[in-house]
Amino acid sequence: MTNEFDFIARLRALATDPAARGLNDDAAVLEIGGQLLVVTHDMMIEGVHWLQGQDMADVAWKLVAVNLSDLAAKGARPIGIIVGQTIPDEEERFLSGLRDALRAFNVPLLGGDTVSAGQGRTALGLTALGSSVSGIVPGRDGAQPGDLLYITGPVGAAMMGFEALQAGTEDNSLAFRRPMPLLAEGAALAPHVSAMMDVSDGLLLDAWRLATTSGVTLAIDTAEVPLGAPEERRDDALRWGDDYQLLFTASPTAELPARAIPIGTVEEGEPPLLVDGIAIFEPEGLGYRH
């Protein structure tokens, strides 16, 4: 079975328009009428991205939030969303959560498509449209040797929330159920960073992606990474994902307008990652891969 990395590599031969950014980013960027339009699309599948039996209001919220997080990583302001879905069994709860998210993030629903799939897993997709706030749309490809590597906040809280839901309680599960895209932080940081993305599939795996796209080595001091999980779960938290913090590189002299924690440096070199001094050349075991 073809994995995500291999399939995307084959798609690159088809994605030749400059707006696609070589499929090395989380969004397409189009210049229209002197404005930069940012377009992203993510899908979620029952049993993969949410637990069977989970409240569909939370699922709808998360569907919106994860796509807006991609806009945040591009420093974009949301313009609207387009939703495609199989009709969920709990449609009223889904609509309730969707309404909550639209209000919370002040983003309009512009349209989409709905189908009835009968029995089977529910599949959801959402396209988010945004516009660059500063006129600068950072990608994954701009990290430079001498930069510092930063993250905006802790990792591991979503992992703990997922495990709480598995155990049958919603206590401390909010980070997994209803993540918050860092839209204001992304818009503020965009003019000051050299590369930026959100942490969706695990800090180490996403750092590997940023490093390979930029052609640099990211040297990470894992002890400096802030945690939303117990210390004994640090290794798991670095690989789990779903945290939607912003991971970015910037010059050591940059005056950052948002809170961020330095967790490493950008260096010249062969391995994409140096994790506590250990060279890592391949992405296996670093995080969630589809």
Protein backbone atom coordinates (compact mmCIF):
# COMPACT_ATOMS: atom_id res chain seq x y z
CA MET A 1 0.00 0.00 0.00
CA THR A 2 1.38 3.40 -1.00
CA ASN A 3 2.02 5.70 1.97
CA GLU A 4 1.39 9.43 2.13
CA PHE A 5 5.00 10.44 1.40
CA ASP A 6 5.25 8.23 -1.69
CA PHE A 7 1.90 9.32 -3.10
CA ILE A 8 2.69 13.03 -2.65
CA ALA A 9 6.04 12.48 -4.37
CA ARG A 10 4.17 11.12 -7.41
CA LEU A 11 1.65 13.98 -7.32
CA ARG A 12 4.47 16.55 -7.57
CA ALA A 13 4.88 15.70 -11.24
CA LEU A 14 1.33 16.97 -11.78
CA ALA A 15 1.44 20.00 -9.46
CA THR A 16 3.57 22.24 -11.70
CA ASP A 17 1.84 25.57 -11.06
CA PRO A 18 3.96 27.87 -8.84
CA ALA A 19 0.96 28.33 -6.53
CA ALA A 20 1.29 24.68 -5.46
CA ARG A 21 4.74 25.37 -4.00
CA GLY A 22 5.90 21.96 -5.18
CA LEU A 23 3.47 20.33 -2.70
CA ASN A 24 6.10 21.03 -0.06
CA ASP A 25 3.78 23.18 2.02
CA ASP A 26 0.42 22.97 3.79
CA ALA A 27 -1.30 25.40 1.43
CA ALA A 28 -1.37 26.82 -2.07
CA VAL A 29 -0.66 30.53 -2.52
CA LEU A 30 -2.18 32.45 -5.44
CA GLU A 31 -1.75 36.12 -6.32
CA ILE A 32 -5.09 37.60 -7.34
CA GLY A 33 -5.58 41.32 -7.86
CA GLY A 34 -2.46 42.16 -5.90
CA GLN A 35 -3.59 40.06 -2.94
CA LEU A 36 -2.15 36.73 -1.80
CA LEU A 37 -4.88 34.10 -1.49
CA VAL A 38 -4.01 31.08 0.69
CA VAL A 39 -5.95 27.84 0.08
CA THR A 40 -5.72 24.64 2.14
CA HIS A 41 -7.68 21.39 2.38
CA ASP A 42 -7.65 18.65 5.01
CA MET A 43 -9.70 15.49 5.48
CA MET A 44 -10.71 13.56 8.58
CA ILE A 45 -11.94 9.96 8.78
CA GLU A 46 -13.80 8.24 11.61
CA GLY A 47 -11.60 5.82 13.49
CA VAL A 48 -8.46 7.57 12.24
CA HIS A 49 -8.84 11.22 13.25
CA TRP A 50 -11.56 10.79 15.85
CA LEU A 51 -12.81 7.98 18.01
CA GLN A 52 -15.92 6.06 17.05
CA GLY A 53 -18.76 7.33 19.20
CA GLN A 54 -17.09 10.69 19.84
CA ASP A 55 -19.37 13.74 20.03
CA MET A 56 -19.84 14.98 16.45
CA ALA A 57 -19.98 18.56 17.71
CA ASP A 58 -16.33 18.22 18.70
CA VAL A 59 -15.51 16.55 15.37
CA ALA A 60 -17.02 19.46 13.43
CA TRP A 61 -15.08 21.96 15.53
CA LYS A 62 -11.84 20.08 14.92
CA LEU A 63 -12.48 19.87 11.18
CA VAL A 64 -12.62 23.66 11.03
CA ALA A 65 -9.76 24.22 13.47
CA VAL A 66 -7.17 21.99 11.80
CA ASN A 67 -7.68 23.72 8.46
CA LEU A 68 -7.52 27.18 10.00
CA SER A 69 -4.29 26.09 11.69
CA ASP A 70 -2.78 25.66 8.23
CA LEU A 71 -3.81 29.24 7.45
CA ALA A 72 -2.24 30.37 10.74
CA ALA A 73 1.08 28.83 9.69
CA LYS A 74 0.93 30.98 6.53
CA GLY A 75 0.12 34.18 8.42
CA ALA A 76 -3.30 34.31 6.77
CA ARG A 77 -6.66 35.67 7.88
CA PRO A 78 -9.59 33.31 7.19
CA ILE A 79 -11.96 34.37 4.42
CA GLY A 80 -14.29 31.38 4.50
CA ILE A 81 -14.63 27.61 4.42
CA ILE A 82 -16.17 25.03 2.08
CA VAL A 83 -17.19 21.70 3.62
CA GLY A 84 -17.56 18.29 1.98
CA GLN A 85 -18.98 15.43 4.02
CA THR A 86 -20.86 12.23 4.19
CA ILE A 87 -23.93 12.93 6.29
CA PRO A 88 -22.96 12.06 9.87
CA ASP A 89 -25.24 9.90 11.99
CA GLU A 90 -25.49 12.68 14.56
CA GLU A 91 -26.13 15.52 12.13
CA GLU A 92 -27.64 17.87 14.72
CA ARG A 93 -24.55 17.59 16.92
CA PHE A 94 -22.31 18.08 13.87
CA LEU A 95 -24.19 21.24 12.88
CA SER A 96 -24.02 22.50 16.48
CA GLY A 97 -20.23 22.11 16.59
CA LEU A 98 -19.85 23.63 13.15
CA ARG A 99 -21.89 26.63 14.27
CA ASP A 100 -19.72 26.99 17.39
CA ALA A 101 -16.52 26.97 15.34
CA LEU A 102 -17.78 29.47 12.76
CA ARG A 103 -18.66 31.87 15.54
CA ALA A 104 -15.50 31.31 17.57
CA PHE A 105 -13.19 31.91 14.61
CA ASN A 106 -15.38 34.50 12.88
CA VAL A 107 -15.29 32.64 9.59
CA PRO A 108 -18.24 32.16 7.19
CA LEU A 109 -19.41 28.91 5.63
CA LEU A 110 -19.39 29.51 1.86
CA GLY A 111 -20.68 26.17 0.56
CA GLY A 112 -19.59 22.60 -0.13
CA ASP A 113 -21.06 19.21 -0.92
CA THR A 114 -22.92 16.56 1.05
CA VAL A 115 -23.42 12.90 0.16
CA SER A 116 -25.09 9.94 1.83
CA ALA A 117 -22.65 7.03 2.10
CA GLY A 118 -24.81 4.46 3.89
CA GLN A 119 -23.04 2.24 6.39
CA GLY A 120 -19.33 2.72 6.93
CA ARG A 121 -16.88 5.25 8.21
CA THR A 122 -17.82 8.91 8.05
CA ALA A 123 -15.41 10.98 5.94
CA LEU A 124 -15.16 14.76 6.21
CA GLY A 125 -13.24 17.29 4.15
CA LEU A 126 -12.87 21.04 4.40
CA THR A 127 -11.26 23.71 2.25
CA ALA A 128 -10.23 26.92 4.00
CA LEU A 129 -9.57 30.17 2.15
CA GLY A 130 -7.48 32.95 3.61
CA SER A 131 -5.65 36.13 2.69
CA SER A 132 -2.15 37.11 3.75
CA VAL A 133 -2.22 39.70 6.52
CA SER A 134 1.26 41.11 5.94
CA GLY A 135 1.85 40.24 2.29
CA ILE A 136 4.38 37.63 3.40
CA VAL A 137 3.45 33.94 3.30
CA PRO A 138 6.19 31.88 4.95
CA GLY A 139 6.79 28.35 3.68
CA ARG A 140 8.78 25.41 4.95
CA ASP A 141 11.73 26.15 2.69
CA GLY A 142 13.31 29.29 4.16
CA ALA A 143 15.23 28.08 7.23
CA GLN A 144 18.84 29.29 7.18
CA PRO A 145 21.94 28.10 9.06
CA GLY A 146 22.35 30.32 12.09
CA ASP A 147 18.61 30.64 12.71
CA LEU A 148 16.98 29.45 15.91
CA LEU A 149 14.15 26.90 15.99
CA TYR A 150 11.09 27.91 18.01
CA ILE A 151 7.73 26.48 19.07
CA THR A 152 4.83 28.56 20.35
CA GLY A 153 3.73 26.23 23.14
CA PRO A 154 3.60 22.76 24.66
CA VAL A 155 3.16 19.40 22.94
CA GLY A 156 1.49 16.33 24.40
CA ALA A 157 -1.79 17.82 25.64
CA ALA A 158 -3.75 16.34 22.72
CA MET A 159 -2.21 12.94 23.40
CA MET A 160 -3.34 13.08 27.01
CA GLY A 161 -6.80 14.20 25.91
CA PHE A 162 -7.09 11.33 23.46
CA GLU A 163 -6.12 8.84 26.15
CA ALA A 164 -8.68 10.37 28.52
CA LEU A 165 -11.41 9.86 25.92
CA GLN A 166 -10.26 6.29 25.36
CA ALA A 167 -10.62 5.75 29.10
CA GLY A 168 -14.20 7.00 28.96
CA THR A 169 -13.82 10.48 30.43
CA GLU A 170 -13.74 13.97 28.92
CA ASP A 171 -11.58 15.27 31.78
CA ASN A 172 -8.55 17.12 30.40
CA SER A 173 -9.51 16.14 26.83
CA LEU A 174 -10.22 19.62 25.46
CA ALA A 175 -6.89 19.95 23.63
CA PHE A 176 -7.74 16.88 21.54
CA ARG A 177 -11.45 17.57 21.12
CA ARG A 178 -11.35 21.29 20.35
CA PRO A 179 -7.89 22.53 19.31
CA MET A 180 -7.32 26.24 18.81
CA PRO A 181 -5.65 27.50 15.62
CA LEU A 182 -3.09 30.20 16.45
CA LEU A 183 -4.35 32.69 13.88
CA ALA A 184 -3.30 35.89 15.64
CA GLU A 185 0.13 34.48 16.47
CA GLY A 186 0.70 33.28 12.91
CA ALA A 187 -0.28 36.63 11.40
CA ALA A 188 2.02 38.48 13.80
CA LEU A 189 4.98 36.12 13.29
CA ALA A 190 4.85 35.80 9.50
CA PRO A 191 7.01 38.87 8.69
CA HIS A 192 9.65 37.81 11.23
CA VAL A 193 10.22 34.12 10.46
CA SER A 194 12.28 32.37 7.81
CA ALA A 195 10.13 29.20 7.74
CA MET A 196 6.96 28.16 9.57
CA MET A 197 4.44 25.30 9.79
CA ASP A 198 2.00 23.94 12.34
CA VAL A 199 2.61 20.80 14.40
CA SER A 200 -0.06 18.32 13.32
CA ASP A 201 1.70 14.97 12.92
CA GLY A 202 4.29 15.15 15.70
CA LEU A 203 6.98 17.69 16.52
CA LEU A 204 9.86 15.49 15.35
CA LEU A 205 8.20 14.44 12.09
CA ASP A 206 7.12 17.98 11.25
CA ALA A 207 10.60 19.27 12.10
CA TRP A 208 12.01 16.62 9.73
CA ARG A 209 9.68 17.91 7.00
CA LEU A 210 10.74 21.52 7.56
CA ALA A 211 14.41 20.56 7.56
CA THR A 212 14.24 18.48 4.37
CA THR A 213 12.29 21.17 2.51
CA SER A 214 14.79 23.85 3.57
CA GLY A 215 17.83 21.62 2.98
CA VAL A 216 19.22 22.18 6.48
CA THR A 217 19.80 20.34 9.74
CA LEU A 218 17.60 21.12 12.73
CA ALA A 219 19.43 20.43 15.97
CA ILE A 220 16.78 19.93 18.64
CA ASP A 221 17.33 19.91 22.40
CA THR A 222 14.33 17.88 23.51
CA ALA A 223 14.72 18.97 27.14
CA GLU A 224 13.79 22.50 26.04
CA VAL A 225 10.50 21.46 24.43
CA PRO A 226 7.58 22.54 26.65
CA LEU A 227 5.24 19.71 27.60
CA GLY A 228 1.50 19.38 28.05
CA ALA A 229 2.04 15.84 29.37
CA PRO A 230 3.92 14.27 32.28
CA GLU A 231 7.71 14.31 31.99
CA GLU A 232 7.85 10.52 31.72
CA ARG A 233 5.79 10.83 28.50
CA ARG A 234 8.18 13.31 26.86
CA ASP A 235 9.31 10.91 24.14
CA ASP A 236 5.71 10.05 23.25
CA ALA A 237 4.67 13.71 23.26
CA LEU A 238 7.40 14.61 20.76
CA ARG A 239 5.91 12.13 18.27
CA TRP A 240 2.16 12.17 18.92
CA GLY A 241 0.90 15.28 17.11
CA ASP A 242 -2.48 17.07 17.04
CA ASP A 243 -1.07 19.95 19.10
CA TYR A 244 -1.29 22.65 16.38
CA GLN A 245 1.45 24.76 17.85
CA LEU A 246 3.49 26.79 15.35
CA LEU A 247 7.00 25.53 14.64
CA PHE A 248 9.25 28.11 13.01
CA THR A 249 12.77 29.35 12.42
CA ALA A 250 13.95 32.91 12.78
CA SER A 251 17.13 34.92 13.12
CA PRO A 252 18.54 35.09 16.67
CA THR A 253 18.21 38.88 16.41
CA ALA A 254 14.54 38.83 15.39
CA GLU A 255 12.22 40.66 17.78
CA LEU A 256 9.34 38.22 17.90
CA PRO A 257 5.85 39.69 18.46
CA ALA A 258 4.43 36.49 19.95
CA ARG A 259 5.47 34.15 22.75
CA ALA A 260 7.74 31.34 21.55
CA ILE A 261 10.27 29.00 23.11
CA PRO A 262 13.65 28.29 21.44
CA ILE A 263 14.18 24.51 21.19
CA GLY A 264 17.11 24.23 18.81
CA THR A 265 19.25 25.68 16.07
CA VAL A 266 19.50 25.54 12.29
CA GLU A 267 22.78 24.18 10.97
CA GLU A 268 24.38 23.12 7.72
CA GLY A 269 24.67 19.39 7.34
CA GLU A 270 23.46 16.10 5.96
CA PRO A 271 20.98 14.72 8.52
CA PRO A 272 17.67 16.58 8.58
CA LEU A 273 17.58 16.20 12.36
CA LEU A 274 20.03 16.10 15.23
CA VAL A 275 17.92 15.09 18.21
CA ASP A 276 19.97 15.52 21.38
CA GLY A 277 23.04 15.01 19.20
CA ILE A 278 21.78 11.86 17.47
CA ALA A 279 21.61 12.10 13.67
CA ILE A 280 18.28 11.12 12.10
CA PHE A 281 18.12 10.66 8.34
CA GLU A 282 14.72 8.97 7.83
CA PRO A 283 11.22 9.88 9.09
CA GLU A 284 10.19 6.43 10.31
CA GLY A 285 9.10 6.49 13.94
CA LEU A 286 9.10 10.27 14.22
CA GLY A 287 5.34 10.81 14.19
CA TYR A 288 2.01 10.03 12.60
CA ARG A 289 2.16 8.98 8.94
CA HIS A 290 -0.98 8.26 6.90
